[in-house]
Amino acid sequence: MHECRQGGSRSVTAKLLLRNNNILIPEDLVIEILLWLPVKSLVRFRCVCKFWEHLLTTNLNFTGLYYDRQF
């Protein structure tokens, strides 16, 4: 599980979609959702947490999957 920090002592995970309800979403589902988003949104989402930054900038598997989905 990858942990993200958000303001002060509040801790949120990369798998967490709804913070108030604590609904966890599997990492592969998060990746599948991100694959459908436009590049402009992905660039903005790099600052969500370190895991997403790594996924969106240096993970060649995600980059390849995204490229294949678009073309």
N, C-alpha and C. Protein backbone atom coordinates (compact mmCIF):
# COMPACT_ATOMS: atom_id res chain seq x y z
N MET A 1 0.85 -1.17 0.00
CA MET A 1 0.00 0.00 0.00
C MET A 1 0.89 1.24 0.00
N HIS A 2 0.61 2.17 -0.85
CA HIS A 2 1.39 3.39 -0.96
C HIS A 2 0.68 4.51 -0.21
N GLU A 3 1.42 5.19 0.61
CA GLU A 3 0.81 6.22 1.45
C GLU A 3 1.07 7.61 0.89
N CYS A 4 0.08 8.44 0.92
CA CYS A 4 0.19 9.82 0.47
C CYS A 4 -0.11 10.73 1.64
N ARG A 5 0.54 11.86 1.68
CA ARG A 5 0.28 12.84 2.74
C ARG A 5 -0.52 13.98 2.16
N GLN A 6 -1.47 14.44 2.92
CA GLN A 6 -2.30 15.54 2.46
C GLN A 6 -2.55 16.47 3.63
N GLY A 7 -1.92 17.62 3.62
CA GLY A 7 -2.12 18.64 4.63
C GLY A 7 -2.07 18.17 6.06
N GLY A 8 -1.13 18.62 6.84
CA GLY A 8 -1.05 18.32 8.26
C GLY A 8 -0.86 16.85 8.54
N SER A 9 -1.63 16.30 9.47
CA SER A 9 -1.47 14.91 9.89
C SER A 9 -2.42 13.97 9.16
N ARG A 10 -3.21 14.48 8.25
CA ARG A 10 -4.17 13.64 7.53
C ARG A 10 -3.43 12.73 6.55
N SER A 11 -3.64 11.46 6.65
CA SER A 11 -2.98 10.49 5.79
C SER A 11 -4.00 9.83 4.88
N VAL A 12 -3.66 9.74 3.61
CA VAL A 12 -4.54 9.13 2.62
C VAL A 12 -3.70 8.16 1.81
N THR A 13 -4.25 7.05 1.41
CA THR A 13 -3.51 6.10 0.60
C THR A 13 -3.83 6.29 -0.86
N ALA A 14 -2.95 5.78 -1.73
CA ALA A 14 -3.18 5.85 -3.17
C ALA A 14 -4.40 5.03 -3.56
N LYS A 15 -4.76 4.07 -2.74
CA LYS A 15 -5.91 3.22 -3.05
C LYS A 15 -7.22 3.83 -2.57
N LEU A 16 -7.15 4.92 -1.87
CA LEU A 16 -8.35 5.52 -1.28
C LEU A 16 -9.02 6.45 -2.27
N LEU A 17 -10.28 6.19 -2.57
CA LEU A 17 -11.01 7.04 -3.49
C LEU A 17 -11.89 8.02 -2.73
N LEU A 18 -12.67 7.54 -1.81
CA LEU A 18 -13.56 8.39 -1.03
C LEU A 18 -13.02 8.49 0.39
N ARG A 19 -12.41 9.63 0.72
CA ARG A 19 -11.77 9.79 2.02
C ARG A 19 -12.75 9.67 3.17
N ASN A 20 -13.90 10.25 3.06
CA ASN A 20 -14.85 10.26 4.17
C ASN A 20 -15.42 8.88 4.48
N ASN A 21 -15.59 8.06 3.46
CA ASN A 21 -16.19 6.74 3.65
C ASN A 21 -15.18 5.61 3.78
N ASN A 22 -13.89 5.92 3.60
CA ASN A 22 -12.83 4.93 3.69
C ASN A 22 -13.04 3.73 2.77
N ILE A 23 -13.43 3.97 1.56
CA ILE A 23 -13.61 2.90 0.58
C ILE A 23 -12.28 2.72 -0.15
N LEU A 24 -11.70 1.54 -0.01
CA LEU A 24 -10.42 1.25 -0.65
C LEU A 24 -10.65 0.65 -2.03
N ILE A 25 -9.85 1.07 -2.97
CA ILE A 25 -9.95 0.57 -4.33
C ILE A 25 -8.62 -0.09 -4.67
N PRO A 26 -8.64 -1.28 -5.23
CA PRO A 26 -7.39 -1.96 -5.59
C PRO A 26 -6.54 -1.11 -6.56
N GLU A 27 -5.24 -1.26 -6.42
CA GLU A 27 -4.31 -0.48 -7.22
C GLU A 27 -4.52 -0.68 -8.72
N ASP A 28 -4.80 -1.91 -9.14
CA ASP A 28 -4.99 -2.17 -10.56
C ASP A 28 -6.23 -1.45 -11.11
N LEU A 29 -7.24 -1.27 -10.28
CA LEU A 29 -8.43 -0.53 -10.71
C LEU A 29 -8.12 0.97 -10.82
N VAL A 30 -7.33 1.49 -9.90
CA VAL A 30 -6.91 2.89 -9.99
C VAL A 30 -6.15 3.12 -11.29
N ILE A 31 -5.25 2.20 -11.62
CA ILE A 31 -4.48 2.31 -12.86
C ILE A 31 -5.41 2.26 -14.07
N GLU A 32 -6.37 1.35 -14.05
CA GLU A 32 -7.32 1.24 -15.16
C GLU A 32 -8.11 2.53 -15.35
N ILE A 33 -8.51 3.16 -14.26
CA ILE A 33 -9.24 4.43 -14.35
C ILE A 33 -8.34 5.52 -14.92
N LEU A 34 -7.10 5.59 -14.44
CA LEU A 34 -6.16 6.60 -14.93
C LEU A 34 -5.88 6.44 -16.41
N LEU A 35 -5.92 5.22 -16.91
CA LEU A 35 -5.65 4.99 -18.33
C LEU A 35 -6.68 5.65 -19.24
N TRP A 36 -7.87 5.92 -18.73
CA TRP A 36 -8.93 6.51 -19.53
C TRP A 36 -8.93 8.04 -19.52
N LEU A 37 -8.08 8.64 -18.70
CA LEU A 37 -8.09 10.10 -18.57
C LEU A 37 -7.23 10.77 -19.64
N PRO A 38 -7.55 12.00 -20.00
CA PRO A 38 -6.71 12.73 -20.95
C PRO A 38 -5.37 13.10 -20.31
N VAL A 39 -4.37 13.33 -21.14
CA VAL A 39 -3.02 13.64 -20.68
C VAL A 39 -3.02 14.87 -19.77
N LYS A 40 -3.79 15.87 -20.10
CA LYS A 40 -3.82 17.10 -19.30
C LYS A 40 -4.20 16.79 -17.85
N SER A 41 -5.14 15.92 -17.64
CA SER A 41 -5.54 15.53 -16.28
C SER A 41 -4.42 14.74 -15.60
N LEU A 42 -3.78 13.84 -16.32
CA LEU A 42 -2.70 13.05 -15.73
C LEU A 42 -1.55 13.93 -15.27
N VAL A 43 -1.25 14.95 -16.04
CA VAL A 43 -0.18 15.88 -15.66
C VAL A 43 -0.54 16.57 -14.34
N ARG A 44 -1.77 16.96 -14.19
CA ARG A 44 -2.21 17.60 -12.94
C ARG A 44 -2.19 16.62 -11.77
N PHE A 45 -2.51 15.35 -12.02
CA PHE A 45 -2.61 14.36 -10.95
C PHE A 45 -1.27 13.87 -10.45
N ARG A 46 -0.17 14.27 -11.09
CA ARG A 46 1.15 13.87 -10.61
C ARG A 46 1.42 14.36 -9.19
N CYS A 47 0.77 15.44 -8.79
CA CYS A 47 1.02 16.00 -7.47
C CYS A 47 0.09 15.43 -6.39
N VAL A 48 -0.72 14.44 -6.70
CA VAL A 48 -1.62 13.84 -5.70
C VAL A 48 -0.81 13.16 -4.59
N CYS A 49 0.16 12.34 -4.97
CA CYS A 49 1.04 11.70 -4.00
C CYS A 49 2.25 11.14 -4.74
N LYS A 50 3.25 10.69 -3.99
CA LYS A 50 4.49 10.20 -4.61
C LYS A 50 4.25 8.97 -5.46
N PHE A 51 3.33 8.11 -5.05
CA PHE A 51 3.04 6.92 -5.84
C PHE A 51 2.49 7.30 -7.21
N TRP A 52 1.54 8.22 -7.24
CA TRP A 52 0.97 8.65 -8.53
C TRP A 52 2.03 9.36 -9.36
N GLU A 53 2.89 10.15 -8.75
CA GLU A 53 3.96 10.82 -9.50
C GLU A 53 4.87 9.78 -10.15
N HIS A 54 5.26 8.77 -9.38
CA HIS A 54 6.09 7.70 -9.93
C HIS A 54 5.36 6.97 -11.05
N LEU A 55 4.13 6.64 -10.81
CA LEU A 55 3.33 5.91 -11.80
C LEU A 55 3.21 6.69 -13.11
N LEU A 56 2.95 7.98 -13.00
CA LEU A 56 2.67 8.79 -14.19
C LEU A 56 3.92 9.33 -14.88
N THR A 57 5.07 9.30 -14.22
CA THR A 57 6.27 9.88 -14.85
C THR A 57 7.35 8.86 -15.15
N THR A 58 7.54 7.85 -14.32
CA THR A 58 8.68 6.95 -14.52
C THR A 58 8.30 5.50 -14.75
N ASN A 59 7.06 5.13 -14.54
CA ASN A 59 6.64 3.75 -14.71
C ASN A 59 6.41 3.47 -16.20
N LEU A 60 7.35 2.75 -16.81
CA LEU A 60 7.26 2.49 -18.25
C LEU A 60 6.09 1.57 -18.59
N ASN A 61 5.70 0.71 -17.68
CA ASN A 61 4.55 -0.17 -17.92
C ASN A 61 3.28 0.66 -18.08
N PHE A 62 3.06 1.63 -17.18
CA PHE A 62 1.88 2.48 -17.29
C PHE A 62 1.93 3.30 -18.58
N THR A 63 3.10 3.84 -18.88
CA THR A 63 3.26 4.64 -20.10
C THR A 63 2.92 3.82 -21.34
N GLY A 64 3.42 2.58 -21.38
CA GLY A 64 3.13 1.70 -22.51
C GLY A 64 1.65 1.36 -22.61
N LEU A 65 1.03 1.06 -21.47
CA LEU A 65 -0.39 0.77 -21.46
C LEU A 65 -1.21 1.97 -21.94
N TYR A 66 -0.82 3.15 -21.48
CA TYR A 66 -1.54 4.37 -21.86
C TYR A 66 -1.40 4.62 -23.37
N TYR A 67 -0.19 4.45 -23.88
CA TYR A 67 0.04 4.66 -25.31
C TYR A 67 -0.77 3.66 -26.13
N ASP A 68 -0.77 2.40 -25.72
CA ASP A 68 -1.53 1.39 -26.44
C ASP A 68 -3.03 1.67 -26.41
N ARG A 69 -3.54 2.18 -25.31
CA ARG A 69 -4.97 2.48 -25.18
C ARG A 69 -5.37 3.63 -26.09
N GLN A 70 -4.48 4.61 -26.27
CA GLN A 70 -4.81 5.80 -27.04
C GLN A 70 -4.72 5.57 -28.55
N PHE A 71 -3.86 4.64 -28.96
CA PHE A 71 -3.66 4.46 -30.41
C PHE A 71 -3.96 3.07 -30.88
